Protein backbone atom coordinates (compact mmCIF):
# COMPACT_ATOMS: atom_id res chain seq x y z
CA MET A 1 -172.62 162.10 -121.14
CA LYS A 2 -172.00 161.91 -117.43
CA LYS A 3 -169.86 164.56 -115.80
CA HIS A 4 -166.87 163.32 -113.76
CA GLY A 5 -165.19 165.31 -111.05
CA VAL A 6 -161.50 164.78 -110.35
CA SER A 7 -162.31 163.15 -107.03
CA ASP A 8 -164.69 160.67 -108.75
CA VAL A 9 -162.10 159.84 -111.36
CA ALA A 10 -159.37 159.44 -108.69
CA ARG A 11 -161.54 157.02 -106.76
CA SER A 12 -162.38 155.01 -109.88
CA THR A 13 -158.80 154.70 -111.01
CA GLY A 14 -157.04 154.28 -107.72
CA LEU A 15 -154.88 157.28 -108.51
CA ASN A 16 -154.62 160.30 -106.23
CA ARG A 17 -155.93 163.68 -107.37
CA GLU A 18 -152.46 165.23 -107.50
CA SER A 19 -151.31 162.62 -110.03
CA ILE A 20 -154.37 163.35 -112.23
CA TYR A 21 -153.72 167.06 -112.13
CA LYS A 22 -150.08 166.51 -113.26
CA ILE A 23 -151.30 164.96 -116.49
CA ASN A 24 -151.49 168.23 -118.38
CA GLY A 25 -148.89 167.82 -121.01
CA LYS A 26 -145.88 168.50 -118.76
CA ILE A 27 -145.22 164.86 -117.93
CA LYS A 28 -145.36 161.58 -119.92
CA PRO A 29 -147.89 159.30 -118.16
CA ARG A 30 -147.52 155.52 -118.36
CA TRP A 31 -149.89 153.61 -120.56
CA GLU A 32 -151.36 151.97 -117.52
CA THR A 33 -152.38 155.46 -116.15
CA ILE A 34 -153.92 156.47 -119.48
CA PHE A 35 -155.83 153.19 -119.70
CA LYS A 36 -157.19 153.57 -116.16
CA LEU A 37 -158.43 157.11 -116.98
CA MET A 38 -160.01 156.05 -120.19
CA LYS A 39 -161.82 153.21 -118.47
CA ALA A 40 -163.03 155.46 -115.64
CA LEU A 41 -164.29 158.07 -118.16
CA ASN A 42 -165.87 155.30 -120.25
CA LEU A 43 -163.77 156.42 -123.32
CA PRO A 44 -163.40 153.67 -126.04
CA LEU A 45 -160.07 152.89 -127.49
CA THR A 46 -160.26 152.58 -131.29
CA MET A 47 -157.67 152.09 -133.99
CA LYS A 48 -157.86 153.55 -137.38
CA SER A 49 -155.50 153.09 -140.32
CA ILE A 50 -154.25 156.30 -141.84
């Protein structure tokens, strides 16, 4: 798995580093932000019934 620095992720997503650092459980990010981060980190979105 490739390592990603915050600057790399910020560049890939178009978000600034400060916005990424704020996503630590204290704020509720928009779905668009989560999706951009998942795409930049190459994380798949899967659904599973429970």
